Amino acid sequence: MNDASEGVTQGRSAVSRVSPDKLGYIDAVRGWAILLVITAHTGSRFPELPYPVKKLTNFGWHGVQLFFIASAVTLMLSWSRRTEAFPAATRHFFIRRFLRIAPMYYAGALLYFLVDGIPGEFSLAQLLRSLLFVNAWHPEWLPTTKAWSVVPGGWSIGVEFTFYALFPLLASLLTNARRAAIFFAAALPFAVLANNGAAAGWLRDYEVQAARNFLYFWFPNQLPVFAAGILLFYLLRQGPASVSRGTSLALGGAAVLFCIYIAGLALGISYLRNFTDPPPIFWATLAFMVFVYALAKGPATWFTHPWVQRVGVLSFSAYVLHFLFIQDLPAWSGGLIDVNATGLKAIGMFVLLWVGVVACTLATASLAHRYIERPGMALAARWIAARRSARPAPPDKLAVRE
């Protein structure tokens, strides 16, 4: 899922204090994030994929956390450049966020309705929960309990909007690295307490796997990831202007190797934890912080290749659309892609489907970005400009004295 960055384009001329490479690295981060997500969801189509490969593909689950970190960094960048008072800045923030996400999300809801229909009976309440972005607030509102998803993968967008709701307050309170570090340090115990407290009731009402899945999805469990992104913003701003190519590659490579290690832990992990046993999501978040730092501070490498950056630009539309091709491309292939293959053949079929999904997703995402996402962003800009121009001019001081 792509957070739709807050003013990335606007900020390209004002971010030298954060990165000598401007914000191309943010697009690259989103590119890697969507490729991770596609990898995980493609792997899920192959029940007989060899177990070591399955563990690696399952690490793609954490691509959403990479999106969340990029979201927090870019929103903090934009908020730090605001020139308006808090009330106006907050109103304009919500206008931009809604019109950046909602048009494509609603288009996705219509698309999946036309292609897949509705599983079971139509639920107006579930439709409204999804369209209002509160679908990740309760186990019965997510597919973990076989609820209608409306938009596949919509849980992460609901979590993102919860972060949006809190962001102006968080950004106004977390005004330096020390505060951000304290918040990050407090977020994990908060997640542990929230998960274990909620589990006490939900494990009585729902199947164990459904309750655990929801506890992974919901906002308290993802809060440490957003907190990490806010802290990373200050580390980027206060750190050295750049690092050497070798250091950048070493940091990025170390993060990737650590992610592979975390992939080995990804299956069978309970999200009901204690304070001394953080879940893989926490370790993956730390690795992603190192990875993003390396991309931001280092010179251009293959990690920030222009193709990866282009994928990142399309990543939100790609997130919404890729489920369609993962679901239907095997059938459309006329039997060429066998999702029930075993052994080495299963690996080959996985690679074939992955390539097909990436190609089809990016082709359609290019159109969606041009004709849905960009008009939504332009509408937000016009709306905000109109609000600013409609504000009454300050009274003339001389006239007041007279």
Protein backbone atom coordinates (compact mmCIF):
# COMPACT_ATOMS: atom_id res chain seq x y z
CA MET A 1 0.00 0.00 0.00
CA ASN A 2 1.28 3.39 -0.90
CA ASP A 3 0.79 6.23 1.39
CA ALA A 4 0.30 8.77 -0.93
CA SER A 5 3.00 11.13 -0.02
CA GLU A 6 2.17 14.52 1.38
CA GLY A 7 3.71 17.01 -0.97
CA VAL A 8 6.59 14.92 -2.24
CA THR A 9 6.57 16.79 -5.53
CA GLN A 10 6.28 20.13 -3.77
CA GLY A 11 9.17 19.25 -1.47
CA ARG A 12 11.75 18.25 -4.06
CA SER A 13 13.28 21.71 -4.00
CA ALA A 14 13.31 22.02 -0.21
CA VAL A 15 14.74 18.80 1.12
CA SER A 16 18.47 19.22 0.75
CA ARG A 17 18.73 19.23 4.51
CA VAL A 18 17.34 15.65 4.47
CA SER A 19 18.91 14.09 1.41
CA PRO A 20 21.25 15.21 -1.33
CA ASP A 21 19.27 12.96 -3.67
CA LYS A 22 16.09 14.88 -2.93
CA LEU A 23 13.12 12.54 -2.59
CA GLY A 24 13.77 9.96 -5.29
CA TYR A 25 14.60 7.54 -2.50
CA ILE A 26 11.03 7.79 -1.17
CA ASP A 27 9.66 6.64 -4.51
CA ALA A 28 12.25 3.84 -4.50
CA VAL A 29 11.17 2.77 -1.01
CA ARG A 30 7.56 2.56 -2.20
CA GLY A 31 8.69 0.63 -5.25
CA TRP A 32 10.37 -2.01 -3.10
CA ALA A 33 7.38 -2.05 -0.77
CA ILE A 34 4.86 -2.87 -3.50
CA LEU A 35 7.18 -5.52 -4.96
CA LEU A 36 7.37 -7.13 -1.53
CA VAL A 37 3.59 -7.09 -1.21
CA ILE A 38 3.10 -8.59 -4.67
CA THR A 39 5.66 -11.28 -3.83
CA ALA A 40 3.82 -12.30 -0.67
CA HIS A 41 0.39 -12.37 -2.27
CA THR A 42 1.67 -14.25 -5.33
CA GLY A 43 3.31 -16.83 -3.09
CA SER A 44 0.01 -17.34 -1.29
CA ARG A 45 -1.51 -18.73 -4.50
CA PHE A 46 0.84 -21.74 -4.38
CA PRO A 47 -0.03 -24.07 -1.49
CA GLU A 48 2.75 -26.50 -2.45
CA LEU A 49 5.54 -23.96 -2.84
CA PRO A 50 8.66 -25.45 -1.16
CA TYR A 51 8.79 -24.35 2.44
CA PRO A 52 12.07 -22.36 2.35
CA VAL A 53 10.81 -20.38 -0.64
CA LYS A 54 7.45 -19.93 1.05
CA LYS A 55 9.13 -18.39 4.08
CA LEU A 56 10.97 -15.92 1.88
CA THR A 57 7.85 -14.91 -0.06
CA ASN A 58 5.94 -14.51 3.18
CA PHE A 59 8.35 -11.80 4.26
CA GLY A 60 6.58 -9.68 1.68
CA TRP A 61 3.85 -9.29 4.29
CA HIS A 62 6.10 -6.63 5.78
CA GLY A 63 6.03 -4.55 2.62
CA VAL A 64 3.07 -2.77 4.16
CA GLN A 65 5.28 -1.71 7.08
CA LEU A 66 7.74 -0.26 4.57
CA PHE A 67 4.84 1.75 3.14
CA PHE A 68 3.93 2.97 6.62
CA ILE A 69 7.48 4.12 7.34
CA ALA A 70 7.62 6.01 4.04
CA SER A 71 4.25 7.54 4.86
CA ALA A 72 5.40 8.86 8.23
CA VAL A 73 8.62 10.29 6.82
CA THR A 74 6.97 12.13 3.94
CA LEU A 75 4.11 13.47 6.03
CA MET A 76 6.58 14.81 8.58
CA LEU A 77 8.57 16.42 5.77
CA SER A 78 5.48 18.20 4.50
CA TRP A 79 4.23 19.20 7.95
CA SER A 80 7.63 20.66 8.86
CA ARG A 81 7.32 23.03 5.90
CA ARG A 82 3.79 24.27 6.64
CA THR A 83 3.29 28.02 6.85
CA GLU A 84 -0.30 28.06 8.12
CA ALA A 85 -1.69 27.98 11.61
CA PHE A 86 -2.61 24.57 13.06
CA PRO A 87 -6.38 24.68 12.27
CA ALA A 88 -5.92 25.63 8.61
CA ALA A 89 -2.95 23.29 8.16
CA THR A 90 -4.99 20.42 9.61
CA ARG A 91 -8.01 21.08 7.38
CA HIS A 92 -5.83 21.23 4.29
CA PHE A 93 -3.96 18.10 5.39
CA PHE A 94 -7.21 16.13 5.53
CA ILE A 95 -8.37 17.49 2.16
CA ARG A 96 -5.13 16.37 0.52
CA ARG A 97 -5.14 13.00 2.23
CA PHE A 98 -8.74 12.20 1.32
CA LEU A 99 -8.49 13.23 -2.32
CA ARG A 100 -5.15 11.44 -2.68
CA ILE A 101 -6.54 8.11 -1.50
CA ALA A 102 -10.32 8.03 -1.91
CA PRO A 103 -10.70 8.33 -5.73
CA MET A 104 -8.53 5.29 -6.48
CA TYR A 105 -9.83 3.36 -3.48
CA TYR A 106 -13.45 3.94 -4.49
CA ALA A 107 -12.60 3.04 -8.10
CA GLY A 108 -11.12 -0.19 -6.78
CA ALA A 109 -14.30 -0.92 -4.81
CA LEU A 110 -16.35 -0.52 -8.00
CA LEU A 111 -13.91 -2.64 -10.02
CA TYR A 112 -13.96 -5.57 -7.59
CA PHE A 113 -17.74 -5.36 -7.32
CA LEU A 114 -18.07 -5.63 -11.11
CA VAL A 115 -15.50 -8.43 -11.41
CA ASP A 116 -16.16 -10.52 -8.30
CA GLY A 117 -19.58 -9.46 -7.07
CA ILE A 118 -20.29 -9.71 -3.35
CA PRO A 119 -19.53 -12.84 -1.34
CA GLY A 120 -22.73 -13.77 0.45
CA GLU A 121 -25.31 -11.09 1.15
CA PHE A 122 -24.85 -7.39 0.49
CA SER A 123 -24.03 -5.40 3.64
CA LEU A 124 -24.58 -1.66 3.50
CA ALA A 125 -22.91 -1.31 6.90
CA GLN A 126 -19.77 -3.08 5.69
CA LEU A 127 -19.69 -0.98 2.52
CA LEU A 128 -19.91 2.22 4.56
CA ARG A 129 -17.22 1.07 6.98
CA SER A 130 -14.86 0.51 4.09
CA LEU A 131 -15.72 3.73 2.26
CA LEU A 132 -15.26 5.66 5.52
CA PHE A 133 -11.93 3.91 6.18
CA VAL A 134 -12.89 2.45 9.57
CA ASN A 135 -12.89 -1.15 8.34
CA ALA A 136 -9.82 -2.11 10.40
CA TRP A 137 -11.33 -1.30 13.79
CA HIS A 138 -13.06 -4.60 14.61
CA PRO A 139 -12.54 -8.30 13.79
CA GLU A 140 -15.96 -8.64 12.16
CA TRP A 141 -15.17 -5.84 9.71
CA LEU A 142 -12.15 -7.56 8.14
CA PRO A 143 -11.83 -10.73 6.03
CA THR A 144 -10.22 -12.44 9.03
CA THR A 145 -13.79 -13.43 9.95
CA LYS A 146 -14.92 -13.83 6.29
CA ALA A 147 -16.34 -10.32 6.11
CA TRP A 148 -16.75 -8.69 2.69
CA SER A 149 -13.45 -6.89 2.05
CA VAL A 150 -14.93 -4.42 -0.52
CA VAL A 151 -11.35 -3.66 -1.63
CA PRO A 152 -8.86 -6.52 -1.09
CA GLY A 153 -6.06 -5.41 1.20
CA GLY A 154 -8.19 -2.51 2.41
CA TRP A 155 -7.16 -3.16 5.99
CA SER A 156 -3.89 -1.29 5.46
CA ILE A 157 -5.69 1.73 4.01
CA GLY A 158 -8.00 1.77 7.01
CA VAL A 159 -4.96 1.67 9.31
CA GLU A 160 -3.32 4.45 7.29
CA PHE A 161 -6.39 6.65 7.69
CA THR A 162 -6.35 6.08 11.43
CA PHE A 163 -2.79 7.38 11.39
CA TYR A 164 -3.95 10.37 9.33
CA ALA A 165 -6.59 11.15 11.96
CA LEU A 166 -3.90 11.31 14.65
CA PHE A 167 -1.09 12.77 12.59
CA PRO A 168 -1.61 16.54 13.08
CA LEU A 169 -1.63 16.04 16.84
CA LEU A 170 1.38 13.70 16.79
CA ALA A 171 3.36 16.01 14.51
CA SER A 172 2.61 18.97 16.76
CA LEU A 173 3.76 17.11 19.87
CA LEU A 174 6.74 15.20 18.47
CA THR A 175 8.77 18.25 17.53
CA ASN A 176 12.30 16.90 18.01
CA ALA A 177 14.30 13.68 17.89
CA ARG A 178 14.19 13.15 21.66
CA ARG A 179 10.41 13.26 21.79
CA ALA A 180 10.16 11.04 18.73
CA ALA A 181 12.53 8.50 20.31
CA ILE A 182 10.48 8.43 23.53
CA PHE A 183 7.31 7.94 21.53
CA PHE A 184 8.91 5.11 19.54
CA ALA A 185 10.16 3.45 22.73
CA ALA A 186 6.68 3.67 24.28
CA ALA A 187 4.81 2.44 21.19
CA LEU A 188 5.93 -1.21 21.46
CA PRO A 189 4.81 -1.72 25.08
CA PHE A 190 1.57 0.01 24.15
CA ALA A 191 1.09 -2.44 21.27
CA VAL A 192 1.84 -5.39 23.55
CA LEU A 193 -0.63 -4.20 26.19
CA ALA A 194 -3.31 -3.45 23.60
CA ASN A 195 -2.88 -6.80 21.86
CA ASN A 196 -2.99 -8.85 25.03
CA GLY A 197 -5.85 -6.84 26.49
CA ALA A 198 -7.98 -7.15 23.35
CA ALA A 199 -7.12 -10.81 22.94
CA ALA A 200 -8.62 -11.60 26.31
CA GLY A 201 -12.05 -10.88 24.90
CA TRP A 202 -11.67 -11.65 21.21
CA LEU A 203 -10.19 -15.11 21.72
CA ARG A 204 -13.43 -16.00 23.47
CA ASP A 205 -15.59 -14.73 20.60
CA TYR A 206 -13.62 -15.69 17.50
CA GLU A 207 -11.44 -18.50 16.24
CA VAL A 208 -7.85 -18.25 17.42
CA GLN A 209 -6.42 -17.65 13.95
CA ALA A 210 -9.01 -14.98 13.14
CA ALA A 211 -8.29 -13.13 16.39
CA ARG A 212 -4.53 -13.31 15.90
CA ASN A 213 -4.78 -12.13 12.31
CA PHE A 214 -6.81 -9.14 13.38
CA LEU A 215 -4.37 -8.32 16.15
CA TYR A 216 -1.68 -8.16 13.50
CA PHE A 217 -3.75 -5.86 11.27
CA TRP A 218 -5.19 -3.36 13.72
CA PHE A 219 -3.74 0.08 14.36
CA PRO A 220 -2.22 -0.42 17.85
CA ASN A 221 -0.02 -3.20 16.49
CA GLN A 222 1.11 -0.98 13.60
CA LEU A 223 1.66 2.14 15.73
CA PRO A 224 5.34 1.33 16.46
CA VAL A 225 5.94 1.29 12.69
CA PHE A 226 4.54 4.79 12.22
CA ALA A 227 6.49 5.91 15.29
CA ALA A 228 9.65 4.52 13.69
CA GLY A 229 8.95 6.59 10.58
CA ILE A 230 8.58 9.77 12.63
CA LEU A 231 11.85 9.06 14.44
CA LEU A 232 13.54 8.30 11.13
CA PHE A 233 12.48 11.72 9.81
CA TYR A 234 14.50 13.39 12.59
CA LEU A 235 17.45 11.03 12.12
CA LEU A 236 17.53 11.92 8.43
CA ARG A 237 17.28 15.63 9.14
CA GLN A 238 19.93 15.71 11.84
CA GLY A 239 22.36 13.18 10.42
CA PRO A 240 25.23 13.84 7.99
CA ALA A 241 24.35 15.28 4.60
CA SER A 242 25.46 12.08 2.88
CA VAL A 243 27.36 8.83 3.29
CA SER A 244 29.72 7.12 0.88
CA ARG A 245 28.52 4.71 -1.79
CA GLY A 246 30.20 1.83 0.01
CA THR A 247 28.56 2.69 3.32
CA SER A 248 25.20 3.07 1.63
CA LEU A 249 25.47 -0.32 -0.07
CA ALA A 250 26.70 -1.92 3.16
CA LEU A 251 23.79 -0.52 5.17
CA GLY A 252 21.26 -1.47 2.52
CA GLY A 253 22.74 -4.93 2.11
CA ALA A 254 22.83 -5.52 5.87
CA ALA A 255 19.18 -4.52 6.09
CA VAL A 256 18.27 -6.93 3.27
CA LEU A 257 20.19 -9.80 4.90
CA PHE A 258 18.49 -9.10 8.21
CA CYS A 259 15.13 -9.08 6.44
CA ILE A 260 15.94 -12.52 5.01
CA TYR A 261 16.69 -13.69 8.54
CA ILE A 262 13.40 -12.27 9.75
CA ALA A 263 11.69 -14.12 6.90
CA GLY A 264 12.80 -17.31 8.58
CA LEU A 265 10.78 -16.32 11.63
CA ALA A 266 7.73 -15.18 9.70
CA LEU A 267 5.64 -18.35 9.88
CA GLY A 268 3.89 -19.54 12.97
CA ILE A 269 4.64 -16.45 15.06
CA SER A 270 2.02 -15.36 17.55
CA TYR A 271 1.32 -11.66 17.85
CA LEU A 272 0.45 -12.03 21.51
CA ARG A 273 3.83 -11.14 22.91
CA ASN A 274 5.55 -10.05 26.07
CA PHE A 275 7.83 -7.06 26.54
CA THR A 276 11.05 -9.08 26.12
CA ASP A 277 9.97 -10.96 22.99
CA PRO A 278 9.14 -8.46 20.21
CA PRO A 279 7.41 -9.88 17.12
CA PRO A 280 9.06 -10.05 13.66
CA ILE A 281 7.21 -6.89 12.66
CA PHE A 282 9.37 -4.95 15.14
CA TRP A 283 12.66 -6.36 13.87
CA ALA A 284 11.57 -5.84 10.27
CA THR A 285 10.77 -2.22 11.12
CA LEU A 286 14.29 -1.66 12.49
CA ALA A 287 15.78 -3.23 9.36
CA PHE A 288 13.62 -1.02 7.17
CA MET A 289 14.76 2.08 9.06
CA VAL A 290 18.37 1.20 8.23
CA PHE A 291 17.41 0.50 4.61
CA VAL A 292 15.60 3.82 4.16
CA TYR A 293 18.44 5.71 5.86
CA ALA A 294 20.93 4.15 3.46
CA LEU A 295 18.83 5.08 0.43
CA ALA A 296 18.28 8.63 1.68
CA LYS A 297 21.87 9.43 2.56
CA GLY A 298 23.79 7.51 -0.07
CA PRO A 299 24.37 8.17 -3.76
CA ALA A 300 22.30 6.49 -6.44
CA THR A 301 22.61 2.69 -6.51
CA TRP A 302 20.53 -0.09 -7.98
CA PHE A 303 18.38 0.18 -4.86
CA THR A 304 17.21 3.56 -6.18
CA HIS A 305 17.19 2.70 -9.89
CA PRO A 306 14.81 4.94 -11.91
CA TRP A 307 12.69 1.90 -12.76
CA VAL A 308 12.17 1.18 -9.07
CA GLN A 309 11.28 4.83 -8.50
CA ARG A 310 8.71 4.66 -11.29
CA VAL A 311 7.19 1.59 -9.67
CA GLY A 312 6.99 3.61 -6.44
CA VAL A 313 5.13 6.44 -8.16
CA LEU A 314 2.52 3.91 -9.28
CA SER A 315 2.50 1.96 -6.04
CA PHE A 316 -0.86 3.01 -4.62
CA SER A 317 -2.78 2.13 -7.79
CA ALA A 318 -0.63 -1.00 -8.02
CA TYR A 319 -1.58 -1.95 -4.47
CA VAL A 320 -5.28 -1.65 -5.22
CA LEU A 321 -5.09 -3.45 -8.59
CA HIS A 322 -2.60 -6.27 -8.10
CA PHE A 323 -5.06 -8.50 -6.26
CA LEU A 324 -7.14 -8.76 -9.44
CA PHE A 325 -4.28 -10.25 -11.46
CA ILE A 326 -3.06 -12.54 -8.69
CA GLN A 327 -6.58 -13.88 -8.41
CA ASP A 328 -7.50 -14.20 -12.10
CA LEU A 329 -4.31 -14.38 -14.18
CA PRO A 330 -3.91 -18.17 -13.69
CA ALA A 331 -7.40 -18.69 -15.16
CA TRP A 332 -6.77 -16.18 -17.94
CA SER A 333 -3.54 -18.01 -18.87
CA GLY A 334 -5.52 -20.96 -20.21
CA GLY A 335 -3.80 -23.46 -17.95
CA LEU A 336 -0.27 -22.17 -18.54
CA ILE A 337 0.10 -21.20 -14.87
CA ASP A 338 -0.56 -24.14 -12.57
CA VAL A 339 -1.00 -22.90 -9.00
CA ASN A 340 -1.18 -26.49 -7.71
CA ALA A 341 2.28 -27.39 -8.97
CA THR A 342 4.78 -28.90 -6.56
CA GLY A 343 8.55 -28.82 -6.08
CA LEU A 344 10.71 -27.04 -8.63
CA LYS A 345 7.75 -26.68 -10.96
CA ALA A 346 5.93 -24.70 -8.27
CA ILE A 347 8.89 -22.30 -8.05
CA GLY A 348 8.84 -21.87 -11.84
CA MET A 349 5.08 -21.27 -11.84
CA PHE A 350 5.50 -18.75 -9.02
CA VAL A 351 8.11 -16.81 -11.01
CA LEU A 352 5.91 -16.88 -14.11
CA LEU A 353 2.87 -15.60 -12.23
CA TRP A 354 4.95 -12.97 -10.42
CA VAL A 355 6.26 -11.57 -13.69
CA GLY A 356 2.78 -11.57 -15.20
CA VAL A 357 1.24 -9.88 -12.17
CA VAL A 358 3.92 -7.18 -12.04
CA ALA A 359 3.60 -6.46 -15.76
CA CYS A 360 -0.19 -6.32 -15.81
CA THR A 361 -0.39 -4.38 -12.56
CA LEU A 362 2.06 -1.69 -13.62
CA ALA A 363 0.41 -1.29 -17.04
CA THR A 364 -3.03 -0.71 -15.52
CA ALA A 365 -1.62 1.31 -12.61
CA SER A 366 -0.05 3.73 -15.10
CA LEU A 367 -3.50 4.49 -16.49
CA ALA A 368 -5.08 4.68 -13.04
CA HIS A 369 -2.40 7.05 -11.80
CA ARG A 370 -2.87 9.33 -14.78
CA TYR A 371 -6.65 9.37 -14.95
CA ILE A 372 -7.70 8.84 -11.31
CA GLU A 373 -4.92 9.67 -8.85
CA ARG A 374 -3.52 12.79 -10.48
CA PRO A 375 -6.93 14.42 -11.06
CA GLY A 376 -7.71 13.79 -7.38
CA MET A 377 -4.50 15.52 -6.32
CA ALA A 378 -5.21 18.40 -8.69
CA LEU A 379 -8.71 18.78 -7.26
CA ALA A 380 -7.27 18.95 -3.73
CA ALA A 381 -4.82 21.66 -4.82
CA ARG A 382 -7.61 23.72 -6.42
CA TRP A 383 -9.88 23.30 -3.41
CA ILE A 384 -7.18 24.43 -0.99
CA ALA A 385 -6.22 27.35 -3.23
CA ALA A 386 -9.86 28.44 -3.38
CA ARG A 387 -10.18 28.26 0.41
CA ARG A 388 -7.05 30.37 0.81
CA SER A 389 -8.19 33.00 -1.67
CA ALA A 390 -11.62 33.19 -0.03
CA ARG A 391 -10.19 34.07 3.39
CA PRO A 392 -10.87 37.71 4.29
CA ALA A 393 -7.89 39.98 3.98
CA PRO A 394 -6.48 41.34 7.26
CA PRO A 395 -7.96 44.75 8.13
CA ASP A 396 -6.00 47.81 7.13
CA LYS A 397 -4.24 49.05 10.25
CA LEU A 398 -4.63 52.71 9.29
CA ALA A 399 -8.33 52.29 8.70
CA VAL A 400 -8.72 50.64 12.07
CA ARG A 401 -6.96 53.54 13.80
CA GLU A 402 -9.14 56.03 11.99
